[in-house]
Amino acid sequence: MDSDRLAPLELALEEEGLFCTRDDDADALRIAFKSEGDRYFIVSYRDDPNFVMVGSGWSLPEGADRERVARITNALNARKKFVKVALWEDENDVLFTIELCVGGAEEVRPHFGRLLDVLRDAATEFFAELRSA
């Protein structure tokens, strides 16, 4: 059943002790949740049942040097496992995502904690580098 495609990830969130909300529409299945005070999302598109994206988005500090931001995102993309970092929304935000092609969300479930750690670590490194002189 299409609406239950992300149920294994809802269970993974429950196992991590995290509360989530579901917001499905005609195009995608979406889960939003918080972990350690930060907001995250999970998306699966109805027309691509093997695609699962886990991510988070952050606003860039006012006046952030976009060239520096681009260099940091490129360095993280080259160095980090799983995670993709990109400028988003007129380059005012930075997006951290893990995009997977799987047979089903059940394949992601045992690795979910690790994927969250990777997202957190990438965001922490990004902002630490951005703050450094």
N, C-alpha and C. Protein backbone atom coordinates (compact mmCIF):
# COMPACT_ATOMS: atom_id res chain seq x y z
N MET A 1 0.84 -1.19 0.00
CA MET A 1 0.00 0.00 0.00
C MET A 1 0.88 1.25 0.00
N ASP A 2 0.64 2.17 -0.90
CA ASP A 2 1.46 3.36 -1.09
C ASP A 2 1.60 4.20 0.17
N SER A 3 0.53 4.41 0.88
CA SER A 3 0.58 5.29 2.05
C SER A 3 1.39 4.69 3.19
N ASP A 4 1.66 3.39 3.15
CA ASP A 4 2.44 2.74 4.21
C ASP A 4 3.92 2.58 3.83
N ARG A 5 4.33 3.10 2.69
CA ARG A 5 5.70 2.91 2.21
C ARG A 5 6.74 3.39 3.21
N LEU A 6 6.47 4.48 3.93
CA LEU A 6 7.43 5.01 4.90
C LEU A 6 7.21 4.49 6.32
N ALA A 7 6.28 3.57 6.49
CA ALA A 7 6.00 3.02 7.82
C ALA A 7 7.26 2.47 8.51
N PRO A 8 8.15 1.77 7.81
CA PRO A 8 9.37 1.29 8.49
C PRO A 8 10.22 2.43 9.07
N LEU A 9 10.22 3.57 8.41
CA LEU A 9 11.00 4.70 8.92
C LEU A 9 10.28 5.37 10.09
N GLU A 10 8.96 5.34 10.08
CA GLU A 10 8.23 5.83 11.25
C GLU A 10 8.55 4.95 12.46
N LEU A 11 8.68 3.65 12.24
CA LEU A 11 9.08 2.73 13.32
C LEU A 11 10.50 3.01 13.77
N ALA A 12 11.39 3.31 12.84
CA ALA A 12 12.78 3.64 13.19
C ALA A 12 12.81 4.90 14.06
N LEU A 13 12.00 5.88 13.71
CA LEU A 13 11.93 7.10 14.51
C LEU A 13 11.42 6.79 15.92
N GLU A 14 10.41 5.96 15.98
CA GLU A 14 9.86 5.54 17.28
C GLU A 14 10.93 4.83 18.11
N GLU A 15 11.70 3.96 17.46
CA GLU A 15 12.78 3.25 18.17
C GLU A 15 13.85 4.20 18.67
N GLU A 16 14.05 5.32 17.97
CA GLU A 16 15.02 6.34 18.39
C GLU A 16 14.41 7.26 19.45
N GLY A 17 13.12 7.06 19.76
CA GLY A 17 12.44 7.89 20.75
C GLY A 17 12.03 9.25 20.20
N LEU A 18 11.81 9.33 18.89
CA LEU A 18 11.50 10.61 18.25
C LEU A 18 10.05 10.64 17.79
N PHE A 19 9.41 11.77 18.01
CA PHE A 19 8.04 12.00 17.57
C PHE A 19 8.07 12.55 16.15
N CYS A 20 7.15 12.09 15.31
CA CYS A 20 7.12 12.57 13.93
C CYS A 20 5.69 12.91 13.52
N THR A 21 5.59 13.70 12.46
CA THR A 21 4.30 13.99 11.85
C THR A 21 4.36 13.57 10.40
N ARG A 22 3.22 13.21 9.87
CA ARG A 22 3.12 12.73 8.49
C ARG A 22 2.34 13.75 7.68
N ASP A 23 2.80 14.06 6.47
CA ASP A 23 2.13 15.02 5.60
C ASP A 23 2.26 14.53 4.16
N ASP A 24 1.38 13.65 3.77
CA ASP A 24 1.40 13.09 2.42
C ASP A 24 0.54 13.96 1.50
N ASP A 25 0.92 14.02 0.23
CA ASP A 25 0.09 14.71 -0.76
C ASP A 25 0.09 13.89 -2.04
N ALA A 26 -0.43 14.45 -3.10
CA ALA A 26 -0.55 13.71 -4.36
C ALA A 26 0.80 13.34 -4.96
N ASP A 27 1.85 14.10 -4.64
CA ASP A 27 3.17 13.86 -5.24
C ASP A 27 4.12 13.05 -4.36
N ALA A 28 4.01 13.21 -3.05
CA ALA A 28 5.03 12.63 -2.17
C ALA A 28 4.47 12.22 -0.81
N LEU A 29 5.22 11.34 -0.18
CA LEU A 29 4.99 10.94 1.20
C LEU A 29 6.05 11.66 2.02
N ARG A 30 5.63 12.34 3.09
CA ARG A 30 6.58 13.15 3.86
C ARG A 30 6.41 12.92 5.35
N ILE A 31 7.56 12.84 6.01
CA ILE A 31 7.60 12.75 7.47
C ILE A 31 8.48 13.90 7.95
N ALA A 32 8.03 14.60 8.98
CA ALA A 32 8.84 15.64 9.62
C ALA A 32 9.07 15.22 11.06
N PHE A 33 10.28 15.50 11.56
CA PHE A 33 10.59 15.15 12.96
C PHE A 33 11.71 16.03 13.47
N LYS A 34 11.86 16.04 14.78
CA LYS A 34 12.96 16.74 15.43
C LYS A 34 13.85 15.72 16.12
N SER A 35 15.14 16.00 16.10
CA SER A 35 16.11 15.18 16.80
C SER A 35 17.14 16.12 17.39
N GLU A 36 17.36 16.02 18.68
CA GLU A 36 18.30 16.88 19.39
C GLU A 36 18.03 18.36 19.10
N GLY A 37 16.75 18.71 19.00
CA GLY A 37 16.34 20.09 18.79
C GLY A 37 16.36 20.57 17.36
N ASP A 38 16.84 19.76 16.43
CA ASP A 38 16.93 20.16 15.03
C ASP A 38 15.81 19.49 14.23
N ARG A 39 15.37 20.15 13.17
CA ARG A 39 14.29 19.64 12.32
C ARG A 39 14.84 18.85 11.14
N TYR A 40 14.18 17.74 10.86
CA TYR A 40 14.56 16.86 9.76
C TYR A 40 13.32 16.46 8.99
N PHE A 41 13.54 15.89 7.81
CA PHE A 41 12.43 15.41 7.00
C PHE A 41 12.84 14.13 6.28
N ILE A 42 11.82 13.38 5.89
CA ILE A 42 11.97 12.19 5.05
C ILE A 42 10.96 12.34 3.92
N VAL A 43 11.40 12.08 2.70
CA VAL A 43 10.52 12.20 1.54
C VAL A 43 10.67 10.96 0.66
N SER A 44 9.54 10.49 0.15
CA SER A 44 9.52 9.46 -0.89
C SER A 44 8.48 9.91 -1.91
N TYR A 45 8.86 9.92 -3.17
CA TYR A 45 7.94 10.38 -4.22
C TYR A 45 7.09 9.23 -4.72
N ARG A 46 5.83 9.50 -4.94
CA ARG A 46 4.88 8.47 -5.37
C ARG A 46 5.29 7.86 -6.71
N ASP A 47 5.89 8.66 -7.60
CA ASP A 47 6.26 8.15 -8.91
C ASP A 47 7.63 7.48 -8.93
N ASP A 48 8.30 7.40 -7.76
CA ASP A 48 9.61 6.75 -7.66
C ASP A 48 9.70 6.02 -6.32
N PRO A 49 9.05 4.89 -6.20
CA PRO A 49 8.93 4.21 -4.91
C PRO A 49 10.25 3.72 -4.32
N ASN A 50 11.31 3.69 -5.10
CA ASN A 50 12.60 3.24 -4.58
C ASN A 50 13.46 4.37 -4.04
N PHE A 51 13.02 5.61 -4.22
CA PHE A 51 13.77 6.78 -3.77
C PHE A 51 13.33 7.18 -2.37
N VAL A 52 14.31 7.36 -1.49
CA VAL A 52 14.05 7.87 -0.13
C VAL A 52 15.09 8.95 0.15
N MET A 53 14.62 10.10 0.62
CA MET A 53 15.51 11.19 0.99
C MET A 53 15.29 11.52 2.48
N VAL A 54 16.41 11.63 3.20
CA VAL A 54 16.39 12.07 4.60
C VAL A 54 17.22 13.35 4.63
N GLY A 55 16.73 14.40 5.26
CA GLY A 55 17.49 15.63 5.22
C GLY A 55 17.11 16.65 6.26
N SER A 56 17.83 17.76 6.20
CA SER A 56 17.55 18.93 7.03
C SER A 56 17.98 20.17 6.27
N GLY A 57 17.34 21.27 6.57
CA GLY A 57 17.68 22.54 5.95
C GLY A 57 17.93 23.60 7.01
N TRP A 58 18.86 24.49 6.72
CA TRP A 58 19.25 25.53 7.66
C TRP A 58 19.37 26.86 6.94
N SER A 59 19.00 27.93 7.62
CA SER A 59 19.22 29.27 7.08
C SER A 59 20.68 29.64 7.25
N LEU A 60 21.22 30.28 6.24
CA LEU A 60 22.58 30.79 6.34
C LEU A 60 22.58 32.08 7.15
N PRO A 61 23.66 32.35 7.87
CA PRO A 61 23.74 33.61 8.60
C PRO A 61 23.68 34.80 7.64
N GLU A 62 23.07 35.86 8.09
CA GLU A 62 23.01 37.09 7.29
C GLU A 62 24.41 37.50 6.86
N GLY A 63 24.57 37.81 5.60
CA GLY A 63 25.85 38.28 5.10
C GLY A 63 26.89 37.20 4.85
N ALA A 64 26.50 35.94 4.91
CA ALA A 64 27.47 34.86 4.66
C ALA A 64 28.03 34.99 3.25
N ASP A 65 29.32 34.84 3.13
CA ASP A 65 30.02 34.92 1.85
C ASP A 65 29.66 33.69 1.02
N ARG A 66 28.92 33.88 -0.07
CA ARG A 66 28.44 32.76 -0.88
C ARG A 66 29.58 31.96 -1.51
N GLU A 67 30.67 32.59 -1.87
CA GLU A 67 31.81 31.85 -2.42
C GLU A 67 32.41 30.93 -1.37
N ARG A 68 32.52 31.42 -0.15
CA ARG A 68 33.03 30.60 0.96
C ARG A 68 32.07 29.44 1.24
N VAL A 69 30.78 29.74 1.24
CA VAL A 69 29.76 28.71 1.46
C VAL A 69 29.89 27.63 0.38
N ALA A 70 30.06 28.03 -0.87
CA ALA A 70 30.20 27.07 -1.97
C ALA A 70 31.44 26.21 -1.79
N ARG A 71 32.55 26.82 -1.38
CA ARG A 71 33.77 26.04 -1.15
C ARG A 71 33.57 25.02 -0.03
N ILE A 72 32.89 25.42 1.04
CA ILE A 72 32.66 24.51 2.16
C ILE A 72 31.75 23.37 1.73
N THR A 73 30.67 23.68 0.99
CA THR A 73 29.76 22.61 0.54
C THR A 73 30.48 21.65 -0.39
N ASN A 74 31.30 22.17 -1.29
CA ASN A 74 32.05 21.29 -2.20
C ASN A 74 33.00 20.38 -1.43
N ALA A 75 33.70 20.93 -0.44
CA ALA A 75 34.63 20.13 0.35
C ALA A 75 33.90 19.03 1.11
N LEU A 76 32.75 19.36 1.69
CA LEU A 76 31.97 18.34 2.41
C LEU A 76 31.46 17.27 1.45
N ASN A 77 30.98 17.68 0.30
CA ASN A 77 30.49 16.70 -0.69
C ASN A 77 31.58 15.74 -1.12
N ALA A 78 32.80 16.23 -1.21
CA ALA A 78 33.91 15.38 -1.63
C ALA A 78 34.37 14.45 -0.51
N ARG A 79 34.18 14.84 0.74
CA ARG A 79 34.76 14.12 1.87
C ARG A 79 33.77 13.24 2.64
N LYS A 80 32.52 13.61 2.71
CA LYS A 80 31.56 12.92 3.57
C LYS A 80 30.92 11.73 2.86
N LYS A 81 30.68 10.69 3.61
CA LYS A 81 29.92 9.55 3.11
C LYS A 81 28.44 9.88 3.18
N PHE A 82 27.70 9.44 2.20
CA PHE A 82 26.25 9.48 2.14
C PHE A 82 25.65 10.86 1.89
N VAL A 83 26.14 11.90 2.55
CA VAL A 83 25.45 13.19 2.59
C VAL A 83 25.78 14.07 1.38
N LYS A 84 24.78 14.81 0.96
CA LYS A 84 24.90 15.78 -0.12
C LYS A 84 24.56 17.15 0.49
N VAL A 85 25.40 18.14 0.22
CA VAL A 85 25.20 19.48 0.76
C VAL A 85 25.00 20.44 -0.41
N ALA A 86 23.99 21.31 -0.31
CA ALA A 86 23.70 22.22 -1.42
C ALA A 86 23.14 23.54 -0.92
N LEU A 87 23.42 24.59 -1.67
CA LEU A 87 22.75 25.87 -1.43
C LEU A 87 21.33 25.76 -1.95
N TRP A 88 20.40 26.43 -1.28
CA TRP A 88 18.99 26.25 -1.59
C TRP A 88 18.27 27.56 -1.41
N GLU A 89 17.10 27.68 -2.00
CA GLU A 89 16.22 28.84 -1.82
C GLU A 89 16.97 30.15 -2.02
N ASP A 90 17.30 30.44 -3.25
CA ASP A 90 18.01 31.68 -3.60
C ASP A 90 19.31 31.84 -2.82
N GLU A 91 19.95 30.71 -2.52
CA GLU A 91 21.23 30.66 -1.82
C GLU A 91 21.18 31.28 -0.43
N ASN A 92 20.01 31.27 0.19
CA ASN A 92 19.87 31.76 1.56
C ASN A 92 19.84 30.63 2.57
N ASP A 93 19.76 29.41 2.10
CA ASP A 93 19.70 28.24 2.96
C ASP A 93 20.72 27.21 2.49
N VAL A 94 21.06 26.32 3.39
CA VAL A 94 21.90 25.18 3.04
C VAL A 94 21.11 23.92 3.36
N LEU A 95 21.14 22.98 2.43
CA LEU A 95 20.36 21.75 2.55
C LEU A 95 21.31 20.57 2.67
N PHE A 96 21.06 19.72 3.65
CA PHE A 96 21.83 18.50 3.87
C PHE A 96 20.89 17.34 3.60
N THR A 97 21.22 16.49 2.64
CA THR A 97 20.35 15.35 2.34
C THR A 97 21.15 14.08 2.16
N ILE A 98 20.47 12.99 2.42
CA ILE A 98 20.95 11.66 2.08
C ILE A 98 19.89 11.10 1.16
N GLU A 99 20.27 10.79 -0.06
CA GLU A 99 19.33 10.29 -1.06
C GLU A 99 19.70 8.86 -1.41
N LEU A 100 18.73 7.98 -1.25
CA LEU A 100 18.98 6.55 -1.41
C LEU A 100 18.04 5.92 -2.43
N CYS A 101 18.53 4.92 -3.10
CA CYS A 101 17.71 4.09 -3.97
C CYS A 101 17.65 2.72 -3.29
N VAL A 102 16.47 2.34 -2.84
CA VAL A 102 16.31 1.11 -2.06
C VAL A 102 15.12 0.31 -2.57
N GLY A 103 15.12 -0.97 -2.21
CA GLY A 103 13.98 -1.81 -2.54
C GLY A 103 12.76 -1.44 -1.72
N GLY A 104 13.00 -0.86 -0.55
CA GLY A 104 11.94 -0.42 0.34
C GLY A 104 12.55 0.25 1.56
N ALA A 105 11.74 1.03 2.24
CA ALA A 105 12.22 1.78 3.41
C ALA A 105 12.72 0.84 4.52
N GLU A 106 12.26 -0.40 4.51
CA GLU A 106 12.73 -1.37 5.51
C GLU A 106 14.25 -1.54 5.44
N GLU A 107 14.83 -1.38 4.25
CA GLU A 107 16.28 -1.49 4.10
C GLU A 107 17.01 -0.35 4.81
N VAL A 108 16.37 0.79 4.97
CA VAL A 108 16.98 1.95 5.61
C VAL A 108 16.90 1.85 7.13
N ARG A 109 15.87 1.22 7.60
CA ARG A 109 15.57 1.20 9.04
C ARG A 109 16.75 0.83 9.94
N PRO A 110 17.51 -0.24 9.67
CA PRO A 110 18.59 -0.59 10.58
C PRO A 110 19.75 0.41 10.58
N HIS A 111 19.79 1.27 9.58
CA HIS A 111 20.89 2.24 9.45
C HIS A 111 20.45 3.66 9.79
N PHE A 112 19.22 3.80 10.23
CA PHE A 112 18.64 5.13 10.39
C PHE A 112 19.41 5.99 11.40
N GLY A 113 19.80 5.42 12.52
CA GLY A 113 20.57 6.17 13.51
C GLY A 113 21.88 6.69 12.93
N ARG A 114 22.55 5.85 12.17
CA ARG A 114 23.81 6.27 11.54
C ARG A 114 23.58 7.40 10.54
N LEU A 115 22.50 7.31 9.76
CA LEU A 115 22.21 8.36 8.79
C LEU A 115 21.93 9.70 9.48
N LEU A 116 21.21 9.66 10.59
CA LEU A 116 20.98 10.89 11.36
C LEU A 116 22.29 11.46 11.87
N ASP A 117 23.16 10.59 12.36
CA ASP A 117 24.48 11.04 12.84
C ASP A 117 25.26 11.72 11.72
N VAL A 118 25.21 11.15 10.52
CA VAL A 118 25.93 11.73 9.39
C VAL A 118 25.37 13.12 9.05
N LEU A 119 24.06 13.26 9.05
CA LEU A 119 23.45 14.57 8.77
C LEU A 119 23.86 15.59 9.82
N ARG A 120 23.79 15.20 11.10
CA ARG A 120 24.17 16.11 12.19
C ARG A 120 25.63 16.51 12.07
N ASP A 121 26.48 15.52 11.80
CA ASP A 121 27.91 15.77 11.70
C ASP A 121 28.23 16.72 10.54
N ALA A 122 27.58 16.52 9.42
CA ALA A 122 27.83 17.39 8.26
C ALA A 122 27.41 18.83 8.56
N ALA A 123 26.26 19.01 9.19
CA ALA A 123 25.81 20.36 9.54
C ALA A 123 26.75 21.00 10.56
N THR A 124 27.18 20.23 11.54
CA THR A 124 28.11 20.75 12.55
C THR A 124 29.41 21.18 11.90
N GLU A 125 29.96 20.35 11.03
CA GLU A 125 31.21 20.69 10.33
C GLU A 125 31.03 21.91 9.43
N PHE A 126 29.90 21.95 8.74
CA PHE A 126 29.65 23.08 7.84
C PHE A 126 29.67 24.40 8.61
N PHE A 127 28.89 24.48 9.67
CA PHE A 127 28.80 25.73 10.40
C PHE A 127 30.06 26.05 11.19
N ALA A 128 30.78 25.05 11.65
CA ALA A 128 32.06 25.30 12.31
C ALA A 128 33.05 25.91 11.32
N GLU A 129 33.10 25.36 10.12
CA GLU A 129 33.99 25.89 9.09
C GLU A 129 33.58 27.29 8.67
N LEU A 130 32.27 27.51 8.56
CA LEU A 130 31.76 28.83 8.17
C LEU A 130 32.15 29.89 9.21
N ARG A 131 32.12 29.51 10.49
CA ARG A 131 32.48 30.45 11.58
C ARG A 131 33.97 30.68 11.71
N SER A 132 34.78 29.72 11.24
CA SER A 132 36.22 29.86 11.40
C SER A 132 36.78 30.97 10.51
N ALA A 133 37.84 31.59 10.98
CA ALA A 133 38.40 32.71 10.20
C ALA A 133 39.37 32.22 9.16
